[in-house]
Amino acid sequence: MDADQPNSQQLNPAALTAAEAARLLSAAGGRPVAVDMVQAAIDAGAPVLADGRLNLVELMAWLEKDIAEKPRLADGQV
């Protein structure tokens, strides 16, 4: 995504495909994020636009809420 190159593809963080979101999250987070992982979030209820694309801010907010609502392991107990 080099802005100096006229043919570079510009990503719209308000309308990403699952593949674009996975690629962007992998690059930003330093850990690989597979398309299957993004699709699993969608299948679990992550918000999507009418055309199936993702808003990155809404996705991250949904993931944070989902993580916060899950029970945490304490002292090795489930």
PDB file of N, CA and C in Angstrom:
ATOM      1  N   MET A   1       0.827  -1.179   0.000  1.00  0.00           N
ATOM      2  CA  MET A   1       0.000   0.000   0.000  1.00  0.00           C
ATOM      3  C   MET A   1       0.879   1.254   0.000  1.00  0.00           C
ATOM      4  N   ASP A   2       1.605   1.469  -1.054  1.00  0.00           N
ATOM      5  CA  ASP A   2       2.470   2.629  -1.167  1.00  0.00           C
ATOM      6  C   ASP A   2       1.713   3.734  -1.882  1.00  0.00           C
ATOM      7  N   ALA A   3       1.473   4.827  -1.193  1.00  0.00           N
ATOM      8  CA  ALA A   3       0.692   5.923  -1.752  1.00  0.00           C
ATOM      9  C   ALA A   3       1.392   6.579  -2.931  1.00  0.00           C
ATOM     10  N   ASP A   4       2.716   6.396  -3.044  1.00  0.00           N
ATOM     11  CA  ASP A   4       3.456   6.999  -4.145  1.00  0.00           C
ATOM     12  C   ASP A   4       3.256   6.249  -5.454  1.00  0.00           C
ATOM     13  N   GLN A   5       2.771   5.029  -5.392  1.00  0.00           N
ATOM     14  CA  GLN A   5       2.547   4.234  -6.591  1.00  0.00           C
ATOM     15  C   GLN A   5       1.116   4.427  -7.058  1.00  0.00           C
ATOM     16  N   PRO A   6       0.930   4.917  -8.286  1.00  0.00           N
ATOM     17  CA  PRO A   6      -0.426   5.197  -8.758  1.00  0.00           C
ATOM     18  C   PRO A   6      -1.308   3.966  -8.881  1.00  0.00           C
ATOM     19  N   ASN A   7      -0.741   2.784  -9.077  1.00  0.00           N
ATOM     20  CA  ASN A   7      -1.541   1.576  -9.255  1.00  0.00           C
ATOM     21  C   ASN A   7      -1.743   0.806  -7.953  1.00  0.00           C
ATOM     22  N   SER A   8      -1.282   1.347  -6.834  1.00  0.00           N
ATOM     23  CA  SER A   8      -1.438   0.627  -5.582  1.00  0.00           C
ATOM     24  C   SER A   8      -2.918   0.612  -5.178  1.00  0.00           C
ATOM     25  N   GLN A   9      -3.337  -0.511  -4.606  1.00  0.00           N
ATOM     26  CA  GLN A   9      -4.727  -0.658  -4.187  1.00  0.00           C
ATOM     27  C   GLN A   9      -4.911   0.028  -2.836  1.00  0.00           C
ATOM     28  N   GLN A  10      -5.880   0.895  -2.731  1.00  0.00           N
ATOM     29  CA  GLN A  10      -6.196   1.576  -1.478  1.00  0.00           C
ATOM     30  C   GLN A  10      -7.275   0.776  -0.759  1.00  0.00           C
ATOM     31  N   LEU A  11      -7.035   0.493   0.519  1.00  0.00           N
ATOM     32  CA  LEU A  11      -8.029  -0.212   1.316  1.00  0.00           C
ATOM     33  C   LEU A  11      -8.912   0.789   2.035  1.00  0.00           C
ATOM     34  N   ASN A  12     -10.185   0.476   2.086  1.00  0.00           N
ATOM     35  CA  ASN A  12     -11.137   1.296   2.821  1.00  0.00           C
ATOM     36  C   ASN A  12     -11.430   0.576   4.135  1.00  0.00           C
ATOM     37  N   PRO A  13     -10.926   1.067   5.274  1.00  0.00           N
ATOM     38  CA  PRO A  13     -11.141   0.363   6.535  1.00  0.00           C
ATOM     39  C   PRO A  13     -12.613   0.280   6.945  1.00  0.00           C
ATOM     40  N   ALA A  14     -13.467   1.023   6.299  1.00  0.00           N
ATOM     41  CA  ALA A  14     -14.897   0.960   6.594  1.00  0.00           C
ATOM     42  C   ALA A  14     -15.615  -0.069   5.733  1.00  0.00           C
ATOM     43  N   ALA A  15     -14.893  -0.710   4.807  1.00  0.00           N
ATOM     44  CA  ALA A  15     -15.515  -1.700   3.920  1.00  0.00           C
ATOM     45  C   ALA A  15     -14.457  -2.671   3.406  1.00  0.00           C
ATOM     46  N   LEU A  16     -14.059  -3.624   4.277  1.00  0.00           N
ATOM     47  CA  LEU A  16     -13.033  -4.602   3.931  1.00  0.00           C
ATOM     48  C   LEU A  16     -13.639  -5.973   3.685  1.00  0.00           C
ATOM     49  N   THR A  17     -13.066  -6.706   2.745  1.00  0.00           N
ATOM     50  CA  THR A  17     -13.434  -8.115   2.610  1.00  0.00           C
ATOM     51  C   THR A  17     -12.760  -8.870   3.755  1.00  0.00           C
ATOM     52  N   ALA A  18     -13.177 -10.104   3.988  1.00  0.00           N
ATOM     53  CA  ALA A  18     -12.555 -10.917   5.035  1.00  0.00           C
ATOM     54  C   ALA A  18     -11.067 -11.099   4.747  1.00  0.00           C
ATOM     55  N   ALA A  19     -10.708 -11.295   3.487  1.00  0.00           N
ATOM     56  CA  ALA A  19      -9.300 -11.469   3.118  1.00  0.00           C
ATOM     57  C   ALA A  19      -8.496 -10.196   3.374  1.00  0.00           C
ATOM     58  N   GLU A  20      -9.070  -9.042   3.038  1.00  0.00           N
ATOM     59  CA  GLU A  20      -8.387  -7.772   3.288  1.00  0.00           C
ATOM     60  C   GLU A  20      -8.221  -7.532   4.787  1.00  0.00           C
ATOM     61  N   ALA A  21      -9.255  -7.836   5.558  1.00  0.00           N
ATOM     62  CA  ALA A  21      -9.181  -7.661   7.007  1.00  0.00           C
ATOM     63  C   ALA A  21      -8.105  -8.569   7.599  1.00  0.00           C
ATOM     64  N   ALA A  22      -8.054  -9.812   7.155  1.00  0.00           N
ATOM     65  CA  ALA A  22      -7.044 -10.746   7.653  1.00  0.00           C
ATOM     66  C   ALA A  22      -5.641 -10.256   7.322  1.00  0.00           C
ATOM     67  N   ARG A  23      -5.444  -9.792   6.108  1.00  0.00           N
ATOM     68  CA  ARG A  23      -4.131  -9.297   5.678  1.00  0.00           C
ATOM     69  C   ARG A  23      -3.725  -8.062   6.486  1.00  0.00           C
ATOM     70  N   LEU A  24      -4.662  -7.149   6.690  1.00  0.00           N
ATOM     71  CA  LEU A  24      -4.387  -5.923   7.435  1.00  0.00           C
ATOM     72  C   LEU A  24      -4.100  -6.228   8.904  1.00  0.00           C
ATOM     73  N   LEU A  25      -4.907  -7.079   9.514  1.00  0.00           N
ATOM     74  CA  LEU A  25      -4.699  -7.428  10.915  1.00  0.00           C
ATOM     75  C   LEU A  25      -3.388  -8.186  11.116  1.00  0.00           C
ATOM     76  N   SER A  26      -3.024  -9.031  10.175  1.00  0.00           N
ATOM     77  CA  SER A  26      -1.742  -9.749  10.249  1.00  0.00           C
ATOM     78  C   SER A  26      -0.577  -8.772  10.210  1.00  0.00           C
ATOM     79  N   ALA A  27      -0.650  -7.811   9.308  1.00  0.00           N
ATOM     80  CA  ALA A  27       0.426  -6.835   9.167  1.00  0.00           C
ATOM     81  C   ALA A  27       0.519  -5.929  10.392  1.00  0.00           C
ATOM     82  N   ALA A  28      -0.615  -5.535  10.940  1.00  0.00           N
ATOM     83  CA  ALA A  28      -0.633  -4.597  12.057  1.00  0.00           C
ATOM     84  C   ALA A  28      -0.327  -5.286  13.390  1.00  0.00           C
ATOM     85  N   GLY A  29      -0.738  -6.524  13.525  1.00  0.00           N
ATOM     86  CA  GLY A  29      -0.622  -7.192  14.813  1.00  0.00           C
ATOM     87  C   GLY A  29       0.630  -8.007  15.012  1.00  0.00           C
ATOM     88  N   GLY A  30       1.356  -8.268  13.952  1.00  0.00           N
ATOM     89  CA  GLY A  30       2.574  -9.044  14.087  1.00  0.00           C
ATOM     90  C   GLY A  30       2.348 -10.539  14.224  1.00  0.00           C
ATOM     91  N   ARG A  31       1.098 -10.968  14.212  1.00  0.00           N
ATOM     92  CA  ARG A  31       0.765 -12.395  14.243  1.00  0.00           C
ATOM     93  C   ARG A  31      -0.140 -12.696  13.065  1.00  0.00           C
ATOM     94  N   PRO A  32       0.012 -13.879  12.492  1.00  0.00           N
ATOM     95  CA  PRO A  32      -0.841 -14.198  11.342  1.00  0.00           C
ATOM     96  C   PRO A  32      -2.319 -14.304  11.723  1.00  0.00           C
ATOM     97  N   VAL A  33      -3.152 -13.698  10.910  1.00  0.00           N
ATOM     98  CA  VAL A  33      -4.608 -13.806  11.043  1.00  0.00           C
ATOM     99  C   VAL A  33      -5.100 -14.392   9.732  1.00  0.00           C
ATOM    100  N   ALA A  34      -5.665 -15.582   9.798  1.00  0.00           N
ATOM    101  CA  ALA A  34      -6.145 -16.268   8.604  1.00  0.00           C
ATOM    102  C   ALA A  34      -7.548 -15.790   8.246  1.00  0.00           C
ATOM    103  N   VAL A  35      -7.879 -15.902   6.978  1.00  0.00           N
ATOM    104  CA  VAL A  35      -9.224 -15.548   6.521  1.00  0.00           C
ATOM    105  C   VAL A  35     -10.254 -16.379   7.287  1.00  0.00           C
ATOM    106  N   ASP A  36      -9.926 -17.642   7.577  1.00  0.00           N
ATOM    107  CA  ASP A  36     -10.843 -18.501   8.332  1.00  0.00           C
ATOM    108  C   ASP A  36     -11.142 -17.931   9.715  1.00  0.00           C
ATOM    109  N   MET A  37     -10.165 -17.257  10.317  1.00  0.00           N
ATOM    110  CA  MET A  37     -10.370 -16.654  11.635  1.00  0.00           C
ATOM    111  C   MET A  37     -11.347 -15.488  11.535  1.00  0.00           C
ATOM    112  N   VAL A  38     -11.210 -14.687  10.495  1.00  0.00           N
ATOM    113  CA  VAL A  38     -12.129 -13.566  10.289  1.00  0.00           C
ATOM    114  C   VAL A  38     -13.525 -14.106   9.985  1.00  0.00           C
ATOM    115  N   GLN A  39     -13.582 -15.139   9.157  1.00  0.00           N
ATOM    116  CA  GLN A  39     -14.882 -15.736   8.822  1.00  0.00           C
ATOM    117  C   GLN A  39     -15.543 -16.332  10.056  1.00  0.00           C
ATOM    118  N   ALA A  40     -14.757 -16.917  10.958  1.00  0.00           N
ATOM    119  CA  ALA A  40     -15.310 -17.466  12.204  1.00  0.00           C
ATOM    120  C   ALA A  40     -15.933 -16.356  13.046  1.00  0.00           C
ATOM    121  N   ALA A  41     -15.301 -15.189  13.071  1.00  0.00           N
ATOM    122  CA  ALA A  41     -15.871 -14.051  13.801  1.00  0.00           C
ATOM    123  C   ALA A  41     -17.188 -13.620  13.170  1.00  0.00           C
ATOM    124  N   ILE A  42     -17.227 -13.592  11.850  1.00  0.00           N
ATOM    125  CA  ILE A  42     -18.476 -13.235  11.145  1.00  0.00           C
ATOM    126  C   ILE A  42     -19.564 -14.253  11.474  1.00  0.00           C
ATOM    127  N   ASP A  43     -19.201 -15.525  11.415  1.00  0.00           N
ATOM    128  CA  ASP A  43     -20.168 -16.589  11.709  1.00  0.00           C
ATOM    129  C   ASP A  43     -20.669 -16.516  13.152  1.00  0.00           C
ATOM    130  N   ALA A  44     -19.836 -15.996  14.050  1.00  0.00           N
ATOM    131  CA  ALA A  44     -20.201 -15.887  15.462  1.00  0.00           C
ATOM    132  C   ALA A  44     -21.000 -14.618  15.758  1.00  0.00           C
ATOM    133  N   GLY A  45     -21.197 -13.764  14.738  1.00  0.00           N
ATOM    134  CA  GLY A  45     -22.037 -12.593  14.930  1.00  0.00           C
ATOM    135  C   GLY A  45     -21.365 -11.250  14.761  1.00  0.00           C
ATOM    136  N   ALA A  46     -20.112 -11.221  14.321  1.00  0.00           N
ATOM    137  CA  ALA A  46     -19.456  -9.933  14.085  1.00  0.00           C
ATOM    138  C   ALA A  46     -20.260  -9.154  13.046  1.00  0.00           C
ATOM    139  N   PRO A  47     -20.367  -7.850  13.226  1.00  0.00           N
ATOM    140  CA  PRO A  47     -21.188  -7.054  12.306  1.00  0.00           C
ATOM    141  C   PRO A  47     -20.568  -6.963  10.912  1.00  0.00           C
ATOM    142  N   VAL A  48     -21.409  -7.082   9.912  1.00  0.00           N
ATOM    143  CA  VAL A  48     -20.987  -6.921   8.523  1.00  0.00           C
ATOM    144  C   VAL A  48     -21.937  -5.956   7.824  1.00  0.00           C
ATOM    145  N   LEU A  49     -21.447  -5.352   6.778  1.00  0.00           N
ATOM    146  CA  LEU A  49     -22.274  -4.459   5.967  1.00  0.00           C
ATOM    147  C   LEU A  49     -23.208  -5.294   5.100  1.00  0.00           C
ATOM    148  N   ALA A  50     -24.142  -4.659   4.439  1.00  0.00           N
ATOM    149  CA  ALA A  50     -25.115  -5.359   3.596  1.00  0.00           C
ATOM    150  C   ALA A  50     -24.448  -6.179   2.499  1.00  0.00           C
ATOM    151  N   ASP A  51     -23.278  -5.720   2.028  1.00  0.00           N
ATOM    152  CA  ASP A  51     -22.589  -6.453   0.963  1.00  0.00           C
ATOM    153  C   ASP A  51     -21.606  -7.492   1.498  1.00  0.00           C
ATOM    154  N   GLY A  52     -21.605  -7.706   2.816  1.00  0.00           N
ATOM    155  CA  GLY A  52     -20.748  -8.718   3.417  1.00  0.00           C
ATOM    156  C   GLY A  52     -19.376  -8.210   3.828  1.00  0.00           C
ATOM    157  N   ARG A  53     -19.095  -6.948   3.547  1.00  0.00           N
ATOM    158  CA  ARG A  53     -17.794  -6.388   3.930  1.00  0.00           C
ATOM    159  C   ARG A  53     -17.814  -5.997   5.405  1.00  0.00           C
ATOM    160  N   LEU A  54     -16.617  -5.766   5.943  1.00  0.00           N
ATOM    161  CA  LEU A  54     -16.442  -5.458   7.355  1.00  0.00           C
ATOM    162  C   LEU A  54     -15.960  -4.036   7.555  1.00  0.00           C
ATOM    163  N   ASN A  55     -16.454  -3.405   8.602  1.00  0.00           N
ATOM    164  CA  ASN A  55     -15.925  -2.127   9.049  1.00  0.00           C
ATOM    165  C   ASN A  55     -14.903  -2.484  10.122  1.00  0.00           C
ATOM    166  N   LEU A  56     -13.646  -2.124   9.919  1.00  0.00           N
ATOM    167  CA  LEU A  56     -12.572  -2.529  10.815  1.00  0.00           C
ATOM    168  C   LEU A  56     -12.806  -2.061  12.253  1.00  0.00           C
ATOM    169  N   VAL A  57     -13.274  -0.844  12.437  1.00  0.00           N
ATOM    170  CA  VAL A  57     -13.524  -0.325  13.790  1.00  0.00           C
ATOM    171  C   VAL A  57     -14.639  -1.123  14.464  1.00  0.00           C
ATOM    172  N   GLU A  58     -15.705  -1.404  13.741  1.00  0.00           N
ATOM    173  CA  GLU A  58     -16.804  -2.180  14.309  1.00  0.00           C
ATOM    174  C   GLU A  58     -16.362  -3.609  14.619  1.00  0.00           C
ATOM    175  N   LEU A  59     -15.543  -4.189  13.743  1.00  0.00           N
ATOM    176  CA  LEU A  59     -15.037  -5.541  13.981  1.00  0.00           C
ATOM    177  C   LEU A  59     -14.197  -5.582  15.250  1.00  0.00           C
ATOM    178  N   MET A  60     -13.296  -4.627  15.407  1.00  0.00           N
ATOM    179  CA  MET A  60     -12.428  -4.610  16.583  1.00  0.00           C
ATOM    180  C   MET A  60     -13.248  -4.396  17.857  1.00  0.00           C
ATOM    181  N   ALA A  61     -14.251  -3.534  17.806  1.00  0.00           N
ATOM    182  CA  ALA A  61     -15.114  -3.313  18.972  1.00  0.00           C
ATOM    183  C   ALA A  61     -15.876  -4.589  19.313  1.00  0.00           C
ATOM    184  N   TRP A  62     -16.362  -5.289  18.301  1.00  0.00           N
ATOM    185  CA  TRP A  62     -17.094  -6.533  18.529  1.00  0.00           C
ATOM    186  C   TRP A  62     -16.165  -7.590  19.130  1.00  0.00           C
ATOM    187  N   LEU A  63     -14.945  -7.701  18.602  1.00  0.00           N
ATOM    188  CA  LEU A  63     -13.994  -8.677  19.135  1.00  0.00           C
ATOM    189  C   LEU A  63     -13.649  -8.368  20.589  1.00  0.00           C
ATOM    190  N   GLU A  64     -13.440  -7.099  20.901  1.00  0.00           N
ATOM    191  CA  GLU A  64     -13.127  -6.705  22.277  1.00  0.00           C
ATOM    192  C   GLU A  64     -14.275  -7.060  23.213  1.00  0.00           C
ATOM    193  N   LYS A  65     -15.506  -6.785  22.787  1.00  0.00           N
ATOM    194  CA  LYS A  65     -16.675  -7.109  23.598  1.00  0.00           C
ATOM    195  C   LYS A  65     -16.804  -8.618  23.769  1.00  0.00           C
ATOM    196  N   ASP A  66     -16.569  -9.362  22.697  1.00  0.00           N
ATOM    197  CA  ASP A  66     -16.661 -10.812  22.741  1.00  0.00           C
ATOM    198  C   ASP A  66     -15.632 -11.392  23.712  1.00  0.00           C
ATOM    199  N   ILE A  67     -14.425 -10.869  23.675  1.00  0.00           N
ATOM    200  CA  ILE A  67     -13.373 -11.340  24.576  1.00  0.00           C
ATOM    201  C   ILE A  67     -13.719 -10.990  26.018  1.00  0.00           C
ATOM    202  N   ALA A  68     -14.212  -9.790  26.255  1.00  0.00           N
ATOM    203  CA  ALA A  68     -14.543  -9.342  27.606  1.00  0.00           C
ATOM    204  C   ALA A  68     -15.673 -10.159  28.221  1.00  0.00           C
ATOM    205  N   GLU A  69     -16.583 -10.665  27.400  1.00  0.00           N
ATOM    206  CA  GLU A  69     -17.726 -11.417  27.913  1.00  0.00           C
ATOM    207  C   GLU A  69     -17.414 -12.881  28.187  1.00  0.00           C
ATOM    208  N   LYS A  70     -16.286 -13.379  27.673  1.00  0.00           N
ATOM    209  CA  LYS A  70     -15.943 -14.784  27.882  1.00  0.00           C
ATOM    210  C   LYS A  70     -15.353 -14.970  29.274  1.00  0.00           C
ATOM    211  N   PRO A  71     -15.686 -16.103  29.911  1.00  0.00           N
ATOM    212  CA  PRO A  71     -15.097 -16.357  31.224  1.00  0.00           C
ATOM    213  C   PRO A  71     -13.582 -16.512  31.114  1.00  0.00           C
ATOM    214  N   ARG A  72     -12.905 -16.020  32.110  1.00  0.00           N
ATOM    215  CA  ARG A  72     -11.439 -16.096  32.122  1.00  0.00           C
ATOM    216  C   ARG A  72     -10.991 -17.276  32.976  1.00  0.00           C
ATOM    217  N   LEU A  73      -9.858 -17.842  32.601  1.00  0.00           N
ATOM    218  CA  LEU A  73      -9.271 -18.919  33.383  1.00  0.00           C
ATOM    219  C   LEU A  73      -8.479 -18.326  34.530  1.00  0.00           C
ATOM    220  N   ALA A  74      -8.698 -18.843  35.725  1.00  0.00           N
ATOM    221  CA  ALA A  74      -7.948 -18.380  36.891  1.00  0.00           C
ATOM    222  C   ALA A  74      -7.334 -19.589  37.580  1.00  0.00           C
ATOM    223  N   ASP A  75      -6.063 -19.525  37.831  1.00  0.00           N
ATOM    224  CA  ASP A  75      -5.348 -20.601  38.516  1.00  0.00           C
ATOM    225  C   ASP A  75      -5.562 -21.962  37.839  1.00  0.00           C
ATOM    226  N   GLY A  76      -5.635 -21.962  36.521  1.00  0.00           N
ATOM    227  CA  GLY A  76      -5.759 -23.211  35.783  1.00  0.00           C
ATOM    228  C   GLY A  76      -7.139 -23.836  35.817  1.00  0.00           C
ATOM    229  N   GLN A  77      -8.113 -23.152  36.415  1.00  0.00           N
ATOM    230  CA  GLN A  77      -9.470 -23.702  36.481  1.00  0.00           C
ATOM    231  C   GLN A  77     -10.274 -23.254  35.275  1.00  0.00           C
ATOM    232  N   VAL A  78     -11.151 -24.111  34.846  1.00  0.00           N
ATOM    233  CA  VAL A  78     -12.003 -23.794  33.708  1.00  0.00           C
ATOM    234  C   VAL A  78     -13.311 -23.241  34.196  1.00  0.00           C
TER     235      VAL A  78
END
